[in-house]
Structures are given as C-alpha cells and as structure tokens.
C-alpha cells in the first residue's frame, strides 16, 4: 500500500476504481511515476483466494487506519483503494508495523 492508500496501481479518485468489465486495465496518467502502468482491476483482486498487504512506515498510518476500518463501507468516498479490497470468498491479511499502525491504535477504544 502506498502512502496515499493506493494498491495495484489503483489510485484514490482514479476512474479505474470503477472499472468492472476488464480483468486487467492500464493507465497513462498515474499520479506517481511511472505515468504508464497496467493493473488488475478491483473486481479481480476481490475475487482472489488470498490477499496480503504489508504496510510499513509512519507515512502510511492515516490511510492504513482508514483501510482497516471495517465499520465503513468500501464504497465510502474517503476509503482509500486498499480499503476497497475485501475479498468476497478469500482471505485478507494485513501485516502492519508499529509506525503504520499508530493511527489505527489511536482510534481504538481504551481497555
């Protein structure tokens, strides 16, 4: 997951997030280099048997907290692309270091 919450070259606010017909697509206007990329589409990722995210660093703390908030719909406007990954029949695993988990921990109720 990138610091903006992107995954698989699926970027926040990009039209490819709404692609439902193609298995693989392309973009020539990536907000991060390189500008031209190919990517699996979100429906394909959500049909995977197993999806694994490895997230490290403080720069990813806010998008990680948003993506991990399962009380919010994947369709929420502020949900980062990584949070839209919710396999329909598969497993989803997140490996998050302490720095990247800081905001998630902050939103959890005290015990």
PDB file of N, CA and C in Angstrom:
ATOM      1  N   UNK A   1       0.836  -1.169   0.000  1.00  0.00           N
ATOM      2  CA  UNK A   1       0.000   0.000   0.000  1.00  0.00           C
ATOM      3  C   UNK A   1       0.887   1.240   0.000  1.00  0.00           C
ATOM      4  N   UNK A   2       0.552   2.180  -0.873  1.00  0.00           N
ATOM      5  CA  UNK A   2       1.301   3.425  -0.931  1.00  0.00           C
ATOM      6  C   UNK A   2       0.841   4.418   0.123  1.00  0.00           C
ATOM      7  N   UNK A   3       1.583   5.509   0.306  1.00  0.00           N
ATOM      8  CA  UNK A   3       1.234   6.494   1.316  1.00  0.00           C
ATOM      9  C   UNK A   3      -0.086   7.217   1.051  1.00  0.00           C
ATOM     10  N   UNK A   4      -0.629   7.079  -0.157  1.00  0.00           N
ATOM     11  CA  UNK A   4      -1.942   7.644  -0.459  1.00  0.00           C
ATOM     12  C   UNK A   4      -3.037   6.583  -0.379  1.00  0.00           C
ATOM     13  N   UNK A   5      -2.657   5.363   0.021  1.00  0.00           N
ATOM     14  CA  UNK A   5      -3.618   4.269   0.140  1.00  0.00           C
ATOM     15  C   UNK A   5      -3.821   3.495  -1.144  1.00  0.00           C
ATOM     16  N   UNK A   6      -2.995   3.756  -2.174  1.00  0.00           N
ATOM     17  CA  UNK A   6      -3.169   3.026  -3.434  1.00  0.00           C
ATOM     18  C   UNK A   6      -2.638   1.601  -3.315  1.00  0.00           C
ATOM     19  N   UNK A   7      -3.145   0.758  -4.173  1.00  0.00           N
ATOM     20  CA  UNK A   7      -2.668  -0.608  -4.291  1.00  0.00           C
ATOM     21  C   UNK A   7      -2.877  -1.053  -5.730  1.00  0.00           C
ATOM     22  N   UNK A   8      -1.998  -1.906  -6.228  1.00  0.00           N
ATOM     23  CA  UNK A   8      -2.130  -2.441  -7.596  1.00  0.00           C
ATOM     24  C   UNK A   8      -2.273  -1.339  -8.644  1.00  0.00           C
ATOM     25  N   UNK A   9      -1.651  -0.210  -8.477  1.00  0.00           N
ATOM     26  CA  UNK A   9      -1.796   0.938  -9.386  1.00  0.00           C
ATOM     27  C   UNK A   9      -3.241   1.429  -9.474  1.00  0.00           C
ATOM     28  N   UNK A  10      -4.006   1.183  -8.420  1.00  0.00           N
ATOM     29  CA  UNK A  10      -5.359   1.735  -8.283  1.00  0.00           C
ATOM     30  C   UNK A  10      -5.241   2.889  -7.296  1.00  0.00           C
ATOM     31  N   UNK A  11      -5.388   4.109  -7.816  1.00  0.00           N
ATOM     32  CA  UNK A  11      -5.123   5.312  -7.028  1.00  0.00           C
ATOM     33  C   UNK A  11      -6.414   5.981  -6.567  1.00  0.00           C
ATOM     34  N   UNK A  12      -6.352   6.686  -5.431  1.00  0.00           N
ATOM     35  CA  UNK A  12      -7.537   7.395  -4.943  1.00  0.00           C
ATOM     36  C   UNK A  12      -8.103   8.333  -6.013  1.00  0.00           C
ATOM     37  N   UNK A  13      -9.409   8.273  -6.194  1.00  0.00           N
ATOM     38  CA  UNK A  13     -10.086   9.163  -7.122  1.00  0.00           C
ATOM     39  C   UNK A  13      -9.929   8.833  -8.594  1.00  0.00           C
ATOM     40  N   UNK A  14      -9.190   7.793  -8.921  1.00  0.00           N
ATOM     41  CA  UNK A  14      -8.966   7.463 -10.333  1.00  0.00           C
ATOM     42  C   UNK A  14     -10.140   6.666 -10.893  1.00  0.00           C
ATOM     43  N   UNK A  15     -10.428   6.886 -12.165  1.00  0.00           N
ATOM     44  CA  UNK A  15     -11.549   6.214 -12.831  1.00  0.00           C
ATOM     45  C   UNK A  15     -11.421   4.691 -12.821  1.00  0.00           C
ATOM     46  N   UNK A  16     -10.207   4.163 -12.754  1.00  0.00           N
ATOM     47  CA  UNK A  16     -10.034   2.702 -12.756  1.00  0.00           C
ATOM     48  C   UNK A  16     -10.670   2.024 -11.547  1.00  0.00           C
ATOM     49  N   UNK A  17     -10.914   2.767 -10.490  1.00  0.00           N
ATOM     50  CA  UNK A  17     -11.578   2.176  -9.323  1.00  0.00           C
ATOM     51  C   UNK A  17     -12.997   1.722  -9.658  1.00  0.00           C
ATOM     52  N   UNK A  18     -13.585   2.317 -10.675  1.00  0.00           N
ATOM     53  CA  UNK A  18     -14.959   1.978 -11.062  1.00  0.00           C
ATOM     54  C   UNK A  18     -15.016   0.951 -12.185  1.00  0.00           C
ATOM     55  N   UNK A  19     -13.875   0.501 -12.676  1.00  0.00           N
ATOM     56  CA  UNK A  19     -13.846  -0.476 -13.770  1.00  0.00           C
ATOM     57  C   UNK A  19     -14.393  -1.823 -13.292  1.00  0.00           C
ATOM     58  N   UNK A  20     -15.386  -2.343 -13.988  1.00  0.00           N
ATOM     59  CA  UNK A  20     -15.979  -3.627 -13.596  1.00  0.00           C
ATOM     60  C   UNK A  20     -15.971  -4.663 -14.713  1.00  0.00           C
ATOM     61  N   UNK A  21     -15.638  -4.281 -15.920  1.00  0.00           N
ATOM     62  CA  UNK A  21     -15.709  -5.207 -17.058  1.00  0.00           C
ATOM     63  C   UNK A  21     -14.386  -5.889 -17.374  1.00  0.00           C
ATOM     64  N   UNK A  22     -13.285  -5.212 -17.167  1.00  0.00           N
ATOM     65  CA  UNK A  22     -11.973  -5.735 -17.552  1.00  0.00           C
ATOM     66  C   UNK A  22     -11.303  -6.468 -16.399  1.00  0.00           C
ATOM     67  N   UNK A  23     -10.481  -7.433 -16.753  1.00  0.00           N
ATOM     68  CA  UNK A  23      -9.668  -8.143 -15.766  1.00  0.00           C
ATOM     69  C   UNK A  23      -8.409  -7.331 -15.481  1.00  0.00           C
ATOM     70  N   UNK A  24      -7.803  -6.858 -16.544  1.00  0.00           N
ATOM     71  CA  UNK A  24      -6.589  -6.049 -16.469  1.00  0.00           C
ATOM     72  C   UNK A  24      -6.857  -4.764 -17.229  1.00  0.00           C
ATOM     73  N   UNK A  25      -6.334  -3.661 -16.722  1.00  0.00           N
ATOM     74  CA  UNK A  25      -6.501  -2.395 -17.423  1.00  0.00           C
ATOM     75  C   UNK A  25      -5.181  -1.628 -17.372  1.00  0.00           C
ATOM     76  N   UNK A  26      -5.192  -0.438 -17.945  1.00  0.00           N
ATOM     77  CA  UNK A  26      -3.986   0.382 -17.990  1.00  0.00           C
ATOM     78  C   UNK A  26      -4.332   1.820 -17.640  1.00  0.00           C
ATOM     79  N   UNK A  27      -3.298   2.556 -17.293  1.00  0.00           N
ATOM     80  CA  UNK A  27      -3.447   3.985 -17.107  1.00  0.00           C
ATOM     81  C   UNK A  27      -2.204   4.673 -17.630  1.00  0.00           C
ATOM     82  N   UNK A  28      -2.387   5.841 -18.179  1.00  0.00           N
ATOM     83  CA  UNK A  28      -1.287   6.661 -18.684  1.00  0.00           C
ATOM     84  C   UNK A  28      -1.163   7.959 -17.910  1.00  0.00           C
ATOM     85  N   UNK A  29      -1.942   8.073 -16.843  1.00  0.00           N
ATOM     86  CA  UNK A  29      -1.947   9.299 -16.049  1.00  0.00           C
ATOM     87  C   UNK A  29      -1.761   9.014 -14.559  1.00  0.00           C
ATOM     88  N   UNK A  30      -0.861   8.086 -14.253  1.00  0.00           N
ATOM     89  CA  UNK A  30      -0.610   7.758 -12.853  1.00  0.00           C
ATOM     90  C   UNK A  30      -0.117   8.989 -12.098  1.00  0.00           C
ATOM     91  N   UNK A  31      -0.647   9.230 -10.894  1.00  0.00           N
ATOM     92  CA  UNK A  31      -0.178  10.373 -10.113  1.00  0.00           C
ATOM     93  C   UNK A  31       1.226  10.164  -9.545  1.00  0.00           C
ATOM     94  N   UNK A  32       1.728   8.946  -9.632  1.00  0.00           N
ATOM     95  CA  UNK A  32       3.082   8.631  -9.170  1.00  0.00           C
ATOM     96  C   UNK A  32       3.846   8.015 -10.335  1.00  0.00           C
ATOM     97  N   UNK A  33       5.156   8.256 -10.414  1.00  0.00           N
ATOM     98  CA  UNK A  33       5.931   7.654 -11.507  1.00  0.00           C
ATOM     99  C   UNK A  33       5.945   6.134 -11.382  1.00  0.00           C
ATOM    100  N   UNK A  34       5.992   5.447 -12.464  1.00  0.00           N
ATOM    101  CA  UNK A  34       5.909   5.911 -13.848  1.00  0.00           C
ATOM    102  C   UNK A  34       4.462   6.228 -14.219  1.00  0.00           C
ATOM    103  N   UNK A  35       4.257   7.121 -15.181  1.00  0.00           N
ATOM    104  CA  UNK A  35       2.895   7.524 -15.534  1.00  0.00           C
ATOM    105  C   UNK A  35       2.086   6.442 -16.240  1.00  0.00           C
ATOM    106  N   UNK A  36       2.747   5.552 -16.955  1.00  0.00           N
ATOM    107  CA  UNK A  36       2.049   4.468 -17.664  1.00  0.00           C
ATOM    108  C   UNK A  36       2.216   3.172 -16.894  1.00  0.00           C
ATOM    109  N   UNK A  37       1.087   2.526 -16.608  1.00  0.00           N
ATOM    110  CA  UNK A  37       1.087   1.296 -15.812  1.00  0.00           C
ATOM    111  C   UNK A  37      -0.018   0.368 -16.286  1.00  0.00           C
ATOM    112  N   UNK A  38       0.101  -0.902 -15.929  1.00  0.00           N
ATOM    113  CA  UNK A  38      -1.001  -1.845 -16.072  1.00  0.00           C
ATOM    114  C   UNK A  38      -1.358  -2.326 -14.675  1.00  0.00           C
ATOM    115  N   UNK A  39      -2.595  -2.779 -14.506  1.00  0.00           N
ATOM    116  CA  UNK A  39      -3.045  -3.201 -13.178  1.00  0.00           C
ATOM    117  C   UNK A  39      -4.189  -4.195 -13.285  1.00  0.00           C
ATOM    118  N   UNK A  40      -4.293  -5.037 -12.300  1.00  0.00           N
ATOM    119  CA  UNK A  40      -5.509  -5.832 -12.130  1.00  0.00           C
ATOM    120  C   UNK A  40      -6.604  -4.879 -11.680  1.00  0.00           C
ATOM    121  N   UNK A  41      -7.835  -5.175 -12.013  1.00  0.00           N
ATOM    122  CA  UNK A  41      -8.944  -4.332 -11.582  1.00  0.00           C
ATOM    123  C   UNK A  41      -9.433  -4.785 -10.206  1.00  0.00           C
ATOM    124  N   UNK A  42     -10.168  -3.922  -9.547  1.00  0.00           N
ATOM    125  CA  UNK A  42     -10.654  -4.210  -8.202  1.00  0.00           C
ATOM    126  C   UNK A  42     -11.521  -5.467  -8.123  1.00  0.00           C
ATOM    127  N   UNK A  43     -12.429  -5.721  -9.082  1.00  0.00           N
ATOM    128  CA  UNK A  43     -13.198  -6.962  -9.003  1.00  0.00           C
ATOM    129  C   UNK A  43     -12.322  -8.220  -9.052  1.00  0.00           C
ATOM    130  N   UNK A  44     -11.242  -8.175  -9.791  1.00  0.00           N
ATOM    131  CA  UNK A  44     -10.333  -9.324  -9.862  1.00  0.00           C
ATOM    132  C   UNK A  44      -9.628  -9.507  -8.518  1.00  0.00           C
ATOM    133  N   UNK A  45      -9.126  -8.422  -7.957  1.00  0.00           N
ATOM    134  CA  UNK A  45      -8.457  -8.503  -6.657  1.00  0.00           C
ATOM    135  C   UNK A  45      -9.430  -9.020  -5.599  1.00  0.00           C
ATOM    136  N   UNK A  46     -10.669  -8.572  -5.651  1.00  0.00           N
ATOM    137  CA  UNK A  46     -11.658  -9.012  -4.666  1.00  0.00           C
ATOM    138  C   UNK A  46     -12.137 -10.442  -4.894  1.00  0.00           C
ATOM    139  N   UNK A  47     -11.759 -11.051  -5.999  1.00  0.00           N
ATOM    140  CA  UNK A  47     -12.052 -12.461  -6.235  1.00  0.00           C
ATOM    141  C   UNK A  47     -10.843 -13.357  -5.979  1.00  0.00           C
ATOM    142  N   UNK A  48      -9.787 -12.792  -5.453  1.00  0.00           N
ATOM    143  CA  UNK A  48      -8.586 -13.569  -5.153  1.00  0.00           C
ATOM    144  C   UNK A  48      -8.843 -14.517  -3.986  1.00  0.00           C
ATOM    145  N   UNK A  49      -8.131 -15.596  -3.986  1.00  0.00           N
ATOM    146  CA  UNK A  49      -8.226 -16.566  -2.895  1.00  0.00           C
ATOM    147  C   UNK A  49      -7.577 -16.020  -1.623  1.00  0.00           C
ATOM    148  N   UNK A  50      -6.514 -15.230  -1.811  1.00  0.00           N
ATOM    149  CA  UNK A  50      -5.813 -14.666  -0.655  1.00  0.00           C
ATOM    150  C   UNK A  50      -5.166 -13.349  -1.073  1.00  0.00           C
ATOM    151  N   UNK A  51      -5.378 -12.311  -0.263  1.00  0.00           N
ATOM    152  CA  UNK A  51      -4.767 -11.007  -0.487  1.00  0.00           C
ATOM    153  C   UNK A  51      -3.969 -10.662   0.759  1.00  0.00           C
ATOM    154  N   UNK A  52      -2.747 -10.207   0.554  1.00  0.00           N
ATOM    155  CA  UNK A  52      -1.873  -9.851   1.672  1.00  0.00           C
ATOM    156  C   UNK A  52      -1.338  -8.448   1.460  1.00  0.00           C
ATOM    157  N   UNK A  53      -1.475  -7.619   2.487  1.00  0.00           N
ATOM    158  CA  UNK A  53      -0.884  -6.284   2.492  1.00  0.00           C
ATOM    159  C   UNK A  53       0.266  -6.271   3.494  1.00  0.00           C
ATOM    160  N   UNK A  54       1.372  -5.680   3.108  1.00  0.00           N
ATOM    161  CA  UNK A  54       2.487  -5.408   4.010  1.00  0.00           C
ATOM    162  C   UNK A  54       2.640  -3.897   4.020  1.00  0.00           C
ATOM    163  N   UNK A  55       2.462  -3.303   5.196  1.00  0.00           N
ATOM    164  CA  UNK A  55       2.438  -1.844   5.302  1.00  0.00           C
ATOM    165  C   UNK A  55       3.460  -1.417   6.353  1.00  0.00           C
ATOM    166  N   UNK A  56       4.378  -0.551   5.945  1.00  0.00           N
ATOM    167  CA  UNK A  56       5.410  -0.091   6.867  1.00  0.00           C
ATOM    168  C   UNK A  56       5.557   1.423   6.786  1.00  0.00           C
ATOM    169  N   UNK A  57       5.864   2.018   7.907  1.00  0.00           N
ATOM    170  CA  UNK A  57       6.211   3.427   7.951  1.00  0.00           C
ATOM    171  C   UNK A  57       5.087   4.355   8.356  1.00  0.00           C
ATOM    172  N   UNK A  58       5.480   5.437   9.015  1.00  0.00           N
ATOM    173  CA  UNK A  58       4.529   6.417   9.534  1.00  0.00           C
ATOM    174  C   UNK A  58       3.766   7.129   8.429  1.00  0.00           C
ATOM    175  N   UNK A  59       4.343   7.237   7.236  1.00  0.00           N
ATOM    176  CA  UNK A  59       3.664   7.937   6.145  1.00  0.00           C
ATOM    177  C   UNK A  59       2.394   7.215   5.702  1.00  0.00           C
ATOM    178  N   UNK A  60       2.249   5.973   6.132  1.00  0.00           N
ATOM    179  CA  UNK A  60       1.080   5.190   5.744  1.00  0.00           C
ATOM    180  C   UNK A  60       0.073   5.008   6.877  1.00  0.00           C
ATOM    181  N   UNK A  61       0.296   5.669   7.996  1.00  0.00           N
ATOM    182  CA  UNK A  61      -0.548   5.476   9.174  1.00  0.00           C
ATOM    183  C   UNK A  61      -1.998   5.903   8.947  1.00  0.00           C
ATOM    184  N   UNK A  62      -2.230   7.061   8.354  1.00  0.00           N
ATOM    185  CA  UNK A  62      -3.606   7.538   8.152  1.00  0.00           C
ATOM    186  C   UNK A  62      -4.349   6.677   7.131  1.00  0.00           C
ATOM    187  N   UNK A  63      -3.777   6.422   5.929  1.00  0.00           N
ATOM    188  CA  UNK A  63      -4.524   5.571   5.003  1.00  0.00           C
ATOM    189  C   UNK A  63      -4.702   4.140   5.520  1.00  0.00           C
ATOM    190  N   UNK A  64      -3.744   3.634   6.288  1.00  0.00           N
ATOM    191  CA  UNK A  64      -3.888   2.284   6.850  1.00  0.00           C
ATOM    192  C   UNK A  64      -5.059   2.243   7.829  1.00  0.00           C
ATOM    193  N   UNK A  65      -5.170   3.253   8.683  1.00  0.00           N
ATOM    194  CA  UNK A  65      -6.280   3.298   9.649  1.00  0.00           C
ATOM    195  C   UNK A  65      -7.618   3.354   8.923  1.00  0.00           C
ATOM    196  N   UNK A  66      -7.695   4.140   7.855  1.00  0.00           N
ATOM    197  CA  UNK A  66      -8.940   4.219   7.084  1.00  0.00           C
ATOM    198  C   UNK A  66      -9.242   2.879   6.418  1.00  0.00           C
ATOM    199  N   UNK A  67      -8.239   2.268   5.824  1.00  0.00           N
ATOM    200  CA  UNK A  67      -8.440   0.999   5.123  1.00  0.00           C
ATOM    201  C   UNK A  67      -8.850  -0.123   6.066  1.00  0.00           C
ATOM    202  N   UNK A  68      -8.356  -0.080   7.278  1.00  0.00           N
ATOM    203  CA  UNK A  68      -8.651  -1.136   8.259  1.00  0.00           C
ATOM    204  C   UNK A  68      -9.967  -0.919   8.999  1.00  0.00           C
ATOM    205  N   UNK A  69     -10.632   0.184   8.756  1.00  0.00           N
ATOM    206  CA  UNK A  69     -11.889   0.489   9.442  1.00  0.00           C
ATOM    207  C   UNK A  69     -13.032  -0.281   8.778  1.00  0.00           C
ATOM    208  N   UNK A  70     -13.312  -1.467   9.283  1.00  0.00           N
ATOM    209  CA  UNK A  70     -14.349  -2.317   8.690  1.00  0.00           C
ATOM    210  C   UNK A  70     -15.757  -1.862   9.047  1.00  0.00           C
ATOM    211  N   UNK A  71     -15.870  -0.828   9.882  1.00  0.00           N
ATOM    212  CA  UNK A  71     -17.182  -0.251  10.155  1.00  0.00           C
ATOM    213  C   UNK A  71     -17.634   0.657   9.014  1.00  0.00           C
ATOM    214  N   UNK A  72     -16.707   1.003   8.139  1.00  0.00           N
ATOM    215  CA  UNK A  72     -17.032   1.836   6.985  1.00  0.00           C
ATOM    216  C   UNK A  72     -17.187   0.953   5.754  1.00  0.00           C
ATOM    217  N   UNK A  73     -18.039   1.396   4.871  1.00  0.00           N
ATOM    218  CA  UNK A  73     -18.248   0.686   3.608  1.00  0.00           C
ATOM    219  C   UNK A  73     -17.051   0.892   2.691  1.00  0.00           C
ATOM    220  N   UNK A  74     -16.766  -0.113   1.887  1.00  0.00           N
ATOM    221  CA  UNK A  74     -15.715   0.015   0.881  1.00  0.00           C
ATOM    222  C   UNK A  74     -16.056   1.103  -0.122  1.00  0.00           C
ATOM    223  N   UNK A  75     -17.339   1.459  -0.205  1.00  0.00           N
ATOM    224  CA  UNK A  75     -17.785   2.483  -1.152  1.00  0.00           C
ATOM    225  C   UNK A  75     -17.730   3.903  -0.590  1.00  0.00           C
ATOM    226  N   UNK A  76     -17.354   4.061   0.676  1.00  0.00           N
ATOM    227  CA  UNK A  76     -17.255   5.405   1.247  1.00  0.00           C
ATOM    228  C   UNK A  76     -16.277   6.247   0.432  1.00  0.00           C
ATOM    229  N   UNK A  77     -16.617   7.509   0.254  1.00  0.00           N
ATOM    230  CA  UNK A  77     -15.793   8.404  -0.561  1.00  0.00           C
ATOM    231  C   UNK A  77     -14.365   8.534  -0.054  1.00  0.00           C
ATOM    232  N   UNK A  78     -14.171   8.497   1.265  1.00  0.00           N
ATOM    233  CA  UNK A  78     -12.817   8.677   1.795  1.00  0.00           C
ATOM    234  C   UNK A  78     -12.070   7.355   2.014  1.00  0.00           C
ATOM    235  N   UNK A  79     -12.661   6.233   1.568  1.00  0.00           N
ATOM    236  CA  UNK A  79     -11.986   4.947   1.709  1.00  0.00           C
ATOM    237  C   UNK A  79     -10.870   4.854   0.663  1.00  0.00           C
ATOM    238  N   UNK A  80      -9.635   4.642   1.106  1.00  0.00           N
ATOM    239  CA  UNK A  80      -8.550   4.501   0.132  1.00  0.00           C
ATOM    240  C   UNK A  80      -8.703   3.205  -0.664  1.00  0.00           C
ATOM    241  N   UNK A  81      -8.107   3.146  -1.838  1.00  0.00           N
ATOM    242  CA  UNK A  81      -8.236   1.935  -2.651  1.00  0.00           C
ATOM    243  C   UNK A  81      -7.895   0.633  -1.899  1.00  0.00           C
ATOM    244  N   UNK A  82      -6.879   0.661  -1.055  1.00  0.00           N
ATOM    245  CA  UNK A  82      -6.539  -0.553  -0.305  1.00  0.00           C
ATOM    246  C   UNK A  82      -7.701  -1.002   0.578  1.00  0.00           C
ATOM    247  N   UNK A  83      -8.493  -0.072   1.077  1.00  0.00           N
ATOM    248  CA  UNK A  83      -9.652  -0.405   1.898  1.00  0.00           C
ATOM    249  C   UNK A  83     -10.826  -0.939   1.100  1.00  0.00           C
ATOM    250  N   UNK A  84     -10.767  -0.774  -0.198  1.00  0.00           N
ATOM    251  CA  UNK A  84     -11.807  -1.315  -1.084  1.00  0.00           C
ATOM    252  C   UNK A  84     -11.538  -2.782  -1.417  1.00  0.00           C
ATOM    253  N   UNK A  85     -10.371  -3.265  -1.015  1.00  0.00           N
ATOM    254  CA  UNK A  85     -10.034  -4.674  -1.213  1.00  0.00           C
ATOM    255  C   UNK A  85     -10.647  -5.463  -0.066  1.00  0.00           C
ATOM    256  N   UNK A  86     -11.685  -6.191  -0.402  1.00  0.00           N
ATOM    257  CA  UNK A  86     -12.398  -7.035   0.569  1.00  0.00           C
ATOM    258  C   UNK A  86     -12.822  -8.297  -0.174  1.00  0.00           C
ATOM    259  N   UNK A  87     -11.950  -9.286  -0.181  1.00  0.00           N
ATOM    260  CA  UNK A  87     -12.231 -10.497  -0.960  1.00  0.00           C
ATOM    261  C   UNK A  87     -13.601 -11.094  -0.630  1.00  0.00           C
ATOM    262  N   UNK A  88     -14.318 -11.455  -1.674  1.00  0.00           N
ATOM    263  CA  UNK A  88     -15.667 -11.981  -1.499  1.00  0.00           C
ATOM    264  C   UNK A  88     -15.664 -13.425  -0.993  1.00  0.00           C
ATOM    265  N   UNK A  89     -14.662 -14.188  -1.372  1.00  0.00           N
ATOM    266  CA  UNK A  89     -14.596 -15.590  -0.939  1.00  0.00           C
ATOM    267  C   UNK A  89     -13.229 -15.977  -0.408  1.00  0.00           C
ATOM    268  N   UNK A  90     -12.319 -15.045  -0.383  1.00  0.00           N
ATOM    269  CA  UNK A  90     -10.950 -15.356   0.008  1.00  0.00           C
ATOM    270  C   UNK A  90     -10.577 -14.752   1.339  1.00  0.00           C
ATOM    271  N   UNK A  91      -9.311 -14.830   1.629  1.00  0.00           N
ATOM    272  CA  UNK A  91      -8.763 -14.319   2.881  1.00  0.00           C
ATOM    273  C   UNK A  91      -8.090 -12.976   2.648  1.00  0.00           C
ATOM    274  N   UNK A  92      -8.091 -12.145   3.672  1.00  0.00           N
ATOM    275  CA  UNK A  92      -7.419 -10.862   3.637  1.00  0.00           C
ATOM    276  C   UNK A  92      -6.532 -10.769   4.875  1.00  0.00           C
ATOM    277  N   UNK A  93      -5.250 -10.518   4.654  1.00  0.00           N
ATOM    278  CA  UNK A  93      -4.286 -10.426   5.753  1.00  0.00           C
ATOM    279  C   UNK A  93      -3.540  -9.106   5.672  1.00  0.00           C
ATOM    280  N   UNK A  94      -3.384  -8.462   6.804  1.00  0.00           N
ATOM    281  CA  UNK A  94      -2.627  -7.222   6.906  1.00  0.00           C
ATOM    282  C   UNK A  94      -1.456  -7.434   7.853  1.00  0.00           C
ATOM    283  N   UNK A  95      -0.265  -7.111   7.403  1.00  0.00           N
ATOM    284  CA  UNK A  95       0.937  -7.109   8.234  1.00  0.00           C
ATOM    285  C   UNK A  95       1.380  -5.647   8.296  1.00  0.00           C
ATOM    286  N   UNK A  96       1.241  -5.043   9.474  1.00  0.00           N
ATOM    287  CA  UNK A  96       1.438  -3.612   9.635  1.00  0.00           C
ATOM    288  C   UNK A  96       2.435  -3.375  10.764  1.00  0.00           C
ATOM    289  N   UNK A  97       3.471  -2.598  10.480  1.00  0.00           N
ATOM    290  CA  UNK A  97       4.431  -2.325  11.550  1.00  0.00           C
ATOM    291  C   UNK A  97       3.867  -1.277  12.510  1.00  0.00           C
ATOM    292  N   UNK A  98       4.580  -1.049  13.603  1.00  0.00           N
ATOM    293  CA  UNK A  98       4.082  -0.164  14.661  1.00  0.00           C
ATOM    294  C   UNK A  98       3.839   1.257  14.159  1.00  0.00           C
ATOM    295  N   UNK A  99       4.736   1.773  13.343  1.00  0.00           N
ATOM    296  CA  UNK A  99       4.584   3.146  12.841  1.00  0.00           C
ATOM    297  C   UNK A  99       3.342   3.277  11.961  1.00  0.00           C
ATOM    298  N   UNK A 100       3.122   2.308  11.092  1.00  0.00           N
ATOM    299  CA  UNK A 100       1.959   2.350  10.195  1.00  0.00           C
ATOM    300  C   UNK A 100       0.657   2.096  10.945  1.00  0.00           C
ATOM    301  N   UNK A 101       0.730   1.451  12.099  1.00  0.00           N
ATOM    302  CA  UNK A 101      -0.472   1.146  12.893  1.00  0.00           C
ATOM    303  C   UNK A 101      -0.819   2.243  13.892  1.00  0.00           C
ATOM    304  N   UNK A 102      -0.024   3.298  13.968  1.00  0.00           N
ATOM    305  CA  UNK A 102      -0.205   4.314  15.012  1.00  0.00           C
ATOM    306  C   UNK A 102      -1.590   4.946  14.998  1.00  0.00           C
ATOM    307  N   UNK A 103      -2.116   5.312  13.853  1.00  0.00           N
ATOM    308  CA  UNK A 103      -3.435   5.946  13.790  1.00  0.00           C
ATOM    309  C   UNK A 103      -4.555   4.945  14.044  1.00  0.00           C
ATOM    310  N   UNK A 104      -4.357   3.710  13.640  1.00  0.00           N
ATOM    311  CA  UNK A 104      -5.345   2.663  13.894  1.00  0.00           C
ATOM    312  C   UNK A 104      -5.474   2.447  15.394  1.00  0.00           C
ATOM    313  N   UNK A 105      -4.352   2.359  16.075  1.00  0.00           N
ATOM    314  CA  UNK A 105      -4.370   2.187  17.516  1.00  0.00           C
ATOM    315  C   UNK A 105      -5.023   3.381  18.203  1.00  0.00           C
ATOM    316  N   UNK A 106      -4.795   4.566  17.681  1.00  0.00           N
ATOM    317  CA  UNK A 106      -5.342   5.774  18.293  1.00  0.00           C
ATOM    318  C   UNK A 106      -6.875   5.812  18.189  1.00  0.00           C
ATOM    319  N   UNK A 107      -7.460   5.172  17.179  1.00  0.00           N
ATOM    320  CA  UNK A 107      -8.912   5.204  17.027  1.00  0.00           C
ATOM    321  C   UNK A 107      -9.615   4.076  17.784  1.00  0.00           C
ATOM    322  N   UNK A 108      -8.847   3.189  18.390  1.00  0.00           N
ATOM    323  CA  UNK A 108      -9.439   2.082  19.143  1.00  0.00           C
ATOM    324  C   UNK A 108      -9.795   2.544  20.547  1.00  0.00           C
ATOM    325  N   UNK A 109     -10.924   2.068  21.083  1.00  0.00           N
ATOM    326  CA  UNK A 109     -11.299   2.461  22.454  1.00  0.00           C
ATOM    327  C   UNK A 109     -10.297   1.928  23.461  1.00  0.00           C
ATOM    328  N   UNK A 110     -10.083   2.683  24.512  1.00  0.00           N
ATOM    329  CA  UNK A 110      -9.183   2.255  25.586  1.00  0.00           C
ATOM    330  C   UNK A 110      -9.788   1.075  26.322  1.00  0.00           C
ATOM    331  N   UNK A 111      -8.927   0.188  26.774  1.00  0.00           N
ATOM    332  CA  UNK A 111      -9.387  -1.002  27.513  1.00  0.00           C
ATOM    333  C   UNK A 111      -9.283  -0.774  28.995  1.00  0.00           C
TER     334      UNK A 111
END
